Amino acid sequence: MRNTQHGFTLTELMVSLTVVGILLGVAMPSFRQFSANSRTVANTNSLVSALAVARSEALRRSTPVSICASADMLSCNSTDWATGWIVFTDPNNPGVVDATEQVIQSWPKPGGTAAVQLADTNGAITYLQYNARGMTSLARQATFTTWIPGCRGSNQSQIAVTVMGSPQTTKIACP
């Protein structure tokens, strides 16, 4: 009769746990950065989607359509684009949702601690309007910037909206 034992010794178990601990210590910072980059990309894609909806609805309806920051998803009541944004018909009083205007679609606050900013060469802008021909109402390019605080490397996204209305996305260095 054979007497064999199965299992691990205490030394083998301690060595295995040490190796797993080292691997986790190396992998966790990379995973956090990957997660932050993924949130930035998701926020950028959401904003590009909103711009596409605003432009296509302006063309389809042959009327001005605007996109603005909104905390309540009903009106342009915020200057912080990280609270969310709405797309709405805007034939009169640009950048203000009047009783006669319709909210077409809303995007809630981006997840996590996202930062979103819209500016042109003259500083921050509170809304962006597309006219009935799908062009922006600005005489110059507007730029959205999205990032997660603490980002490193070229993991900040920049969406340049040309005067013709088309968005162009690029990665830029984090602040």
C-alpha atoms as a PDB file:
ATOM      1  CA  MET A   1       0.000   0.000   0.000  1.00  0.00           C
ATOM      2  CA  ARG A   2       1.292   3.409  -1.014  1.00  0.00           C
ATOM      3  CA  ASN A   3       1.127   6.351   1.282  1.00  0.00           C
ATOM      4  CA  THR A   4       1.237   9.534  -0.904  1.00  0.00           C
ATOM      5  CA  GLN A   5       0.322  13.003   0.135  1.00  0.00           C
ATOM      6  CA  HIS A   6      -1.332  15.644  -2.041  1.00  0.00           C
ATOM      7  CA  GLY A   7      -1.210  19.392  -1.555  1.00  0.00           C
ATOM      8  CA  PHE A   8       1.215  22.254  -1.077  1.00  0.00           C
ATOM      9  CA  THR A   9       3.767  22.898   1.572  1.00  0.00           C
ATOM     10  CA  LEU A  10       3.641  26.125   3.540  1.00  0.00           C
ATOM     11  CA  THR A  11       6.779  27.333   1.759  1.00  0.00           C
ATOM     12  CA  GLU A  12       5.247  26.735  -1.684  1.00  0.00           C
ATOM     13  CA  LEU A  13       2.093  28.562  -0.661  1.00  0.00           C
ATOM     14  CA  MET A  14       4.047  31.576   0.663  1.00  0.00           C
ATOM     15  CA  VAL A  15       6.149  31.795  -2.517  1.00  0.00           C
ATOM     16  CA  SER A  16       3.009  31.614  -4.674  1.00  0.00           C
ATOM     17  CA  LEU A  17       1.281  34.367  -2.668  1.00  0.00           C
ATOM     18  CA  THR A  18       4.399  36.545  -2.906  1.00  0.00           C
ATOM     19  CA  VAL A  19       4.504  36.168  -6.700  1.00  0.00           C
ATOM     20  CA  VAL A  20       0.775  36.990  -6.981  1.00  0.00           C
ATOM     21  CA  GLY A  21       1.262  40.049  -4.744  1.00  0.00           C
ATOM     22  CA  ILE A  22       4.123  41.339  -6.897  1.00  0.00           C
ATOM     23  CA  LEU A  23       2.124  40.834 -10.104  1.00  0.00           C
ATOM     24  CA  LEU A  24      -0.874  42.677  -8.663  1.00  0.00           C
ATOM     25  CA  GLY A  25       1.360  45.516  -7.476  1.00  0.00           C
ATOM     26  CA  VAL A  26       2.707  45.932 -10.996  1.00  0.00           C
ATOM     27  CA  ALA A  27      -0.657  45.516 -12.754  1.00  0.00           C
ATOM     28  CA  MET A  28      -2.898  47.789 -10.633  1.00  0.00           C
ATOM     29  CA  PRO A  29      -1.451  51.173 -11.701  1.00  0.00           C
ATOM     30  CA  SER A  30      -1.717  50.131 -15.347  1.00  0.00           C
ATOM     31  CA  PHE A  31      -5.294  48.980 -14.828  1.00  0.00           C
ATOM     32  CA  ARG A  32      -6.234  52.298 -13.182  1.00  0.00           C
ATOM     33  CA  GLN A  33      -4.737  54.243 -16.090  1.00  0.00           C
ATOM     34  CA  PHE A  34      -6.486  51.964 -18.590  1.00  0.00           C
ATOM     35  CA  SER A  35      -9.783  52.516 -16.787  1.00  0.00           C
ATOM     36  CA  ALA A  36      -9.314  56.308 -16.769  1.00  0.00           C
ATOM     37  CA  ASN A  37      -8.432  56.288 -20.476  1.00  0.00           C
ATOM     38  CA  SER A  38     -11.525  54.212 -21.232  1.00  0.00           C
ATOM     39  CA  ARG A  39     -13.746  56.718 -19.400  1.00  0.00           C
ATOM     40  CA  THR A  40     -12.185  59.579 -21.371  1.00  0.00           C
ATOM     41  CA  VAL A  41     -12.839  57.776 -24.659  1.00  0.00           C
ATOM     42  CA  ALA A  42     -16.440  57.006 -23.639  1.00  0.00           C
ATOM     43  CA  ASN A  43     -17.069  60.663 -22.723  1.00  0.00           C
ATOM     44  CA  THR A  44     -15.513  61.819 -25.987  1.00  0.00           C
ATOM     45  CA  ASN A  45     -17.646  59.402 -28.008  1.00  0.00           C
ATOM     46  CA  SER A  46     -20.764  60.576 -26.182  1.00  0.00           C
ATOM     47  CA  LEU A  47     -19.971  64.201 -26.999  1.00  0.00           C
ATOM     48  CA  VAL A  48     -19.202  63.430 -30.664  1.00  0.00           C
ATOM     49  CA  SER A  49     -22.525  61.581 -30.832  1.00  0.00           C
ATOM     50  CA  ALA A  50     -24.334  64.631 -29.445  1.00  0.00           C
ATOM     51  CA  LEU A  51     -22.638  66.884 -31.996  1.00  0.00           C
ATOM     52  CA  ALA A  52     -23.651  64.527 -34.809  1.00  0.00           C
ATOM     53  CA  VAL A  53     -27.268  64.506 -33.590  1.00  0.00           C
ATOM     54  CA  ALA A  54     -27.337  68.309 -33.367  1.00  0.00           C
ATOM     55  CA  ARG A  55     -25.897  68.761 -36.849  1.00  0.00           C
ATOM     56  CA  SER A  56     -28.098  66.138 -38.508  1.00  0.00           C
ATOM     57  CA  GLU A  57     -31.248  67.471 -36.820  1.00  0.00           C
ATOM     58  CA  ALA A  58     -30.413  71.020 -37.950  1.00  0.00           C
ATOM     59  CA  LEU A  59     -30.129  69.746 -41.512  1.00  0.00           C
ATOM     60  CA  ARG A  60     -33.205  67.524 -41.294  1.00  0.00           C
ATOM     61  CA  ARG A  61     -35.460  70.165 -39.711  1.00  0.00           C
ATOM     62  CA  SER A  62     -33.964  73.129 -41.624  1.00  0.00           C
ATOM     63  CA  THR A  63     -33.830  75.109 -38.411  1.00  0.00           C
ATOM     64  CA  PRO A  64     -31.069  76.025 -35.951  1.00  0.00           C
ATOM     65  CA  VAL A  65     -30.279  73.351 -33.355  1.00  0.00           C
ATOM     66  CA  SER A  66     -28.041  73.938 -30.328  1.00  0.00           C
ATOM     67  CA  ILE A  67     -26.108  71.864 -27.827  1.00  0.00           C
ATOM     68  CA  CYS A  68     -25.474  73.218 -24.338  1.00  0.00           C
ATOM     69  CA  ALA A  69     -24.415  72.147 -20.846  1.00  0.00           C
ATOM     70  CA  SER A  70     -27.347  71.146 -18.659  1.00  0.00           C
ATOM     71  CA  ALA A  71     -27.613  69.863 -15.109  1.00  0.00           C
ATOM     72  CA  ASP A  72     -31.379  69.132 -15.244  1.00  0.00           C
ATOM     73  CA  MET A  73     -31.561  67.852 -18.864  1.00  0.00           C
ATOM     74  CA  LEU A  74     -34.296  70.402 -19.627  1.00  0.00           C
ATOM     75  CA  SER A  75     -32.563  73.759 -19.981  1.00  0.00           C
ATOM     76  CA  CYS A  76     -29.180  75.395 -20.472  1.00  0.00           C
ATOM     77  CA  ASN A  77     -28.597  75.999 -16.776  1.00  0.00           C
ATOM     78  CA  SER A  78     -24.920  75.173 -16.383  1.00  0.00           C
ATOM     79  CA  THR A  79     -21.566  76.376 -17.598  1.00  0.00           C
ATOM     80  CA  ASP A  80     -19.948  73.092 -16.550  1.00  0.00           C
ATOM     81  CA  TRP A  81     -20.158  70.586 -19.412  1.00  0.00           C
ATOM     82  CA  ALA A  82     -19.320  67.775 -16.951  1.00  0.00           C
ATOM     83  CA  THR A  83     -22.935  68.042 -15.637  1.00  0.00           C
ATOM     84  CA  GLY A  84     -24.294  66.681 -18.927  1.00  0.00           C
ATOM     85  CA  TRP A  85     -25.626  68.268 -22.107  1.00  0.00           C
ATOM     86  CA  ILE A  86     -28.742  68.556 -24.239  1.00  0.00           C
ATOM     87  CA  VAL A  87     -29.515  69.034 -27.930  1.00  0.00           C
ATOM     88  CA  PHE A  88     -32.563  71.187 -28.688  1.00  0.00           C
ATOM     89  CA  THR A  89     -34.237  73.121 -31.480  1.00  0.00           C
ATOM     90  CA  ASP A  90     -33.201  76.749 -31.215  1.00  0.00           C
ATOM     91  CA  PRO A  91     -34.815  79.008 -33.841  1.00  0.00           C
ATOM     92  CA  ASN A  92     -34.906  82.074 -31.569  1.00  0.00           C
ATOM     93  CA  ASN A  93     -32.900  83.381 -28.622  1.00  0.00           C
ATOM     94  CA  PRO A  94     -29.725  81.293 -29.238  1.00  0.00           C
ATOM     95  CA  GLY A  95     -28.509  79.139 -26.358  1.00  0.00           C
ATOM     96  CA  VAL A  96     -31.753  79.351 -24.356  1.00  0.00           C
ATOM     97  CA  VAL A  97     -34.463  76.665 -24.246  1.00  0.00           C
ATOM     98  CA  ASP A  98     -37.725  78.599 -24.648  1.00  0.00           C
ATOM     99  CA  ALA A  99     -41.268  77.266 -24.202  1.00  0.00           C
ATOM    100  CA  THR A 100     -41.620  76.855 -27.989  1.00  0.00           C
ATOM    101  CA  GLU A 101     -38.418  74.840 -28.364  1.00  0.00           C
ATOM    102  CA  GLN A 102     -38.016  71.096 -28.072  1.00  0.00           C
ATOM    103  CA  VAL A 103     -35.268  69.105 -26.345  1.00  0.00           C
ATOM    104  CA  ILE A 104     -34.307  66.489 -28.919  1.00  0.00           C
ATOM    105  CA  GLN A 105     -31.990  64.370 -26.784  1.00  0.00           C
ATOM    106  CA  SER A 106     -30.116  64.620 -23.494  1.00  0.00           C
ATOM    107  CA  TRP A 107     -26.881  63.101 -22.220  1.00  0.00           C
ATOM    108  CA  PRO A 108     -26.483  62.721 -18.453  1.00  0.00           C
ATOM    109  CA  LYS A 109     -23.419  63.595 -16.435  1.00  0.00           C
ATOM    110  CA  PRO A 110     -20.414  61.555 -17.581  1.00  0.00           C
ATOM    111  CA  GLY A 111     -19.368  58.824 -15.178  1.00  0.00           C
ATOM    112  CA  GLY A 112     -16.580  59.249 -12.653  1.00  0.00           C
ATOM    113  CA  THR A 113     -14.748  62.518 -12.211  1.00  0.00           C
ATOM    114  CA  ALA A 114     -14.757  63.538 -15.855  1.00  0.00           C
ATOM    115  CA  ALA A 115     -13.919  67.054 -16.932  1.00  0.00           C
ATOM    116  CA  VAL A 116     -15.383  68.537 -20.118  1.00  0.00           C
ATOM    117  CA  GLN A 117     -14.731  72.032 -21.410  1.00  0.00           C
ATOM    118  CA  LEU A 118     -15.821  73.960 -24.522  1.00  0.00           C
ATOM    119  CA  ALA A 119     -13.849  76.980 -25.659  1.00  0.00           C
ATOM    120  CA  ASP A 120     -12.860  78.956 -28.724  1.00  0.00           C
ATOM    121  CA  THR A 121     -10.067  81.453 -29.241  1.00  0.00           C
ATOM    122  CA  ASN A 122     -11.938  84.014 -27.116  1.00  0.00           C
ATOM    123  CA  GLY A 123     -12.473  81.731 -24.098  1.00  0.00           C
ATOM    124  CA  ALA A 124     -15.200  79.478 -22.701  1.00  0.00           C
ATOM    125  CA  ILE A 125     -18.505  79.061 -24.564  1.00  0.00           C
ATOM    126  CA  THR A 126     -21.795  77.973 -22.982  1.00  0.00           C
ATOM    127  CA  TYR A 127     -23.460  76.560 -26.113  1.00  0.00           C
ATOM    128  CA  LEU A 128     -22.788  75.613 -29.728  1.00  0.00           C
ATOM    129  CA  GLN A 129     -25.410  76.225 -32.418  1.00  0.00           C
ATOM    130  CA  TYR A 130     -25.749  74.603 -35.839  1.00  0.00           C
ATOM    131  CA  ASN A 131     -27.664  76.554 -38.471  1.00  0.00           C
ATOM    132  CA  ALA A 132     -30.101  75.069 -41.020  1.00  0.00           C
ATOM    133  CA  ARG A 133     -27.161  74.284 -43.348  1.00  0.00           C
ATOM    134  CA  GLY A 134     -25.319  72.247 -40.679  1.00  0.00           C
ATOM    135  CA  MET A 135     -22.639  74.868 -40.058  1.00  0.00           C
ATOM    136  CA  THR A 136     -21.797  76.319 -36.648  1.00  0.00           C
ATOM    137  CA  SER A 137     -22.878  79.841 -35.824  1.00  0.00           C
ATOM    138  CA  LEU A 138     -19.318  80.689 -34.748  1.00  0.00           C
ATOM    139  CA  ALA A 139     -16.914  82.456 -37.079  1.00  0.00           C
ATOM    140  CA  ARG A 140     -14.062  80.338 -35.712  1.00  0.00           C
ATOM    141  CA  GLN A 141     -13.329  76.811 -34.574  1.00  0.00           C
ATOM    142  CA  ALA A 142     -14.682  75.633 -31.212  1.00  0.00           C
ATOM    143  CA  THR A 143     -12.823  73.030 -29.155  1.00  0.00           C
ATOM    144  CA  PHE A 144     -14.161  70.549 -26.617  1.00  0.00           C
ATOM    145  CA  THR A 145     -11.624  68.999 -24.274  1.00  0.00           C
ATOM    146  CA  THR A 146     -12.352  65.889 -22.185  1.00  0.00           C
ATOM    147  CA  TRP A 147     -10.142  64.292 -19.564  1.00  0.00           C
ATOM    148  CA  ILE A 148     -10.114  62.496 -16.246  1.00  0.00           C
ATOM    149  CA  PRO A 149      -8.246  64.371 -13.475  1.00  0.00           C
ATOM    150  CA  GLY A 150      -4.883  62.737 -12.848  1.00  0.00           C
ATOM    151  CA  CYS A 151      -4.447  61.529 -16.428  1.00  0.00           C
ATOM    152  CA  ARG A 152      -0.926  61.007 -17.715  1.00  0.00           C
ATOM    153  CA  GLY A 153       0.621  61.012 -21.148  1.00  0.00           C
ATOM    154  CA  SER A 154      -1.420  61.756 -24.256  1.00  0.00           C
ATOM    155  CA  ASN A 155      -4.730  60.657 -22.773  1.00  0.00           C
ATOM    156  CA  GLN A 156      -6.707  63.869 -23.010  1.00  0.00           C
ATOM    157  CA  SER A 157      -9.164  64.094 -25.925  1.00  0.00           C
ATOM    158  CA  GLN A 158      -9.765  67.202 -27.959  1.00  0.00           C
ATOM    159  CA  ILE A 159     -12.756  67.598 -30.278  1.00  0.00           C
ATOM    160  CA  ALA A 160     -12.297  70.445 -32.731  1.00  0.00           C
ATOM    161  CA  VAL A 161     -15.584  71.551 -34.313  1.00  0.00           C
ATOM    162  CA  THR A 162     -14.840  73.402 -37.521  1.00  0.00           C
ATOM    163  CA  VAL A 163     -16.903  76.304 -38.822  1.00  0.00           C
ATOM    164  CA  MET A 164     -18.336  73.822 -41.353  1.00  0.00           C
ATOM    165  CA  GLY A 165     -19.683  71.832 -38.378  1.00  0.00           C
ATOM    166  CA  SER A 166     -17.676  68.628 -38.544  1.00  0.00           C
ATOM    167  CA  PRO A 167     -15.997  67.359 -35.352  1.00  0.00           C
ATOM    168  CA  GLN A 168     -12.402  66.097 -35.485  1.00  0.00           C
ATOM    169  CA  THR A 169     -11.061  64.141 -32.517  1.00  0.00           C
ATOM    170  CA  THR A 170      -7.405  63.978 -31.478  1.00  0.00           C
ATOM    171  CA  LYS A 171      -5.465  62.841 -28.430  1.00  0.00           C
ATOM    172  CA  ILE A 172      -3.351  65.488 -26.698  1.00  0.00           C
ATOM    173  CA  ALA A 173      -1.086  65.637 -23.678  1.00  0.00           C
ATOM    174  CA  CYS A 174      -2.732  65.769 -20.260  1.00  0.00           C
ATOM    175  CA  PRO A 175      -2.550  69.058 -18.332  1.00  0.00           C
END
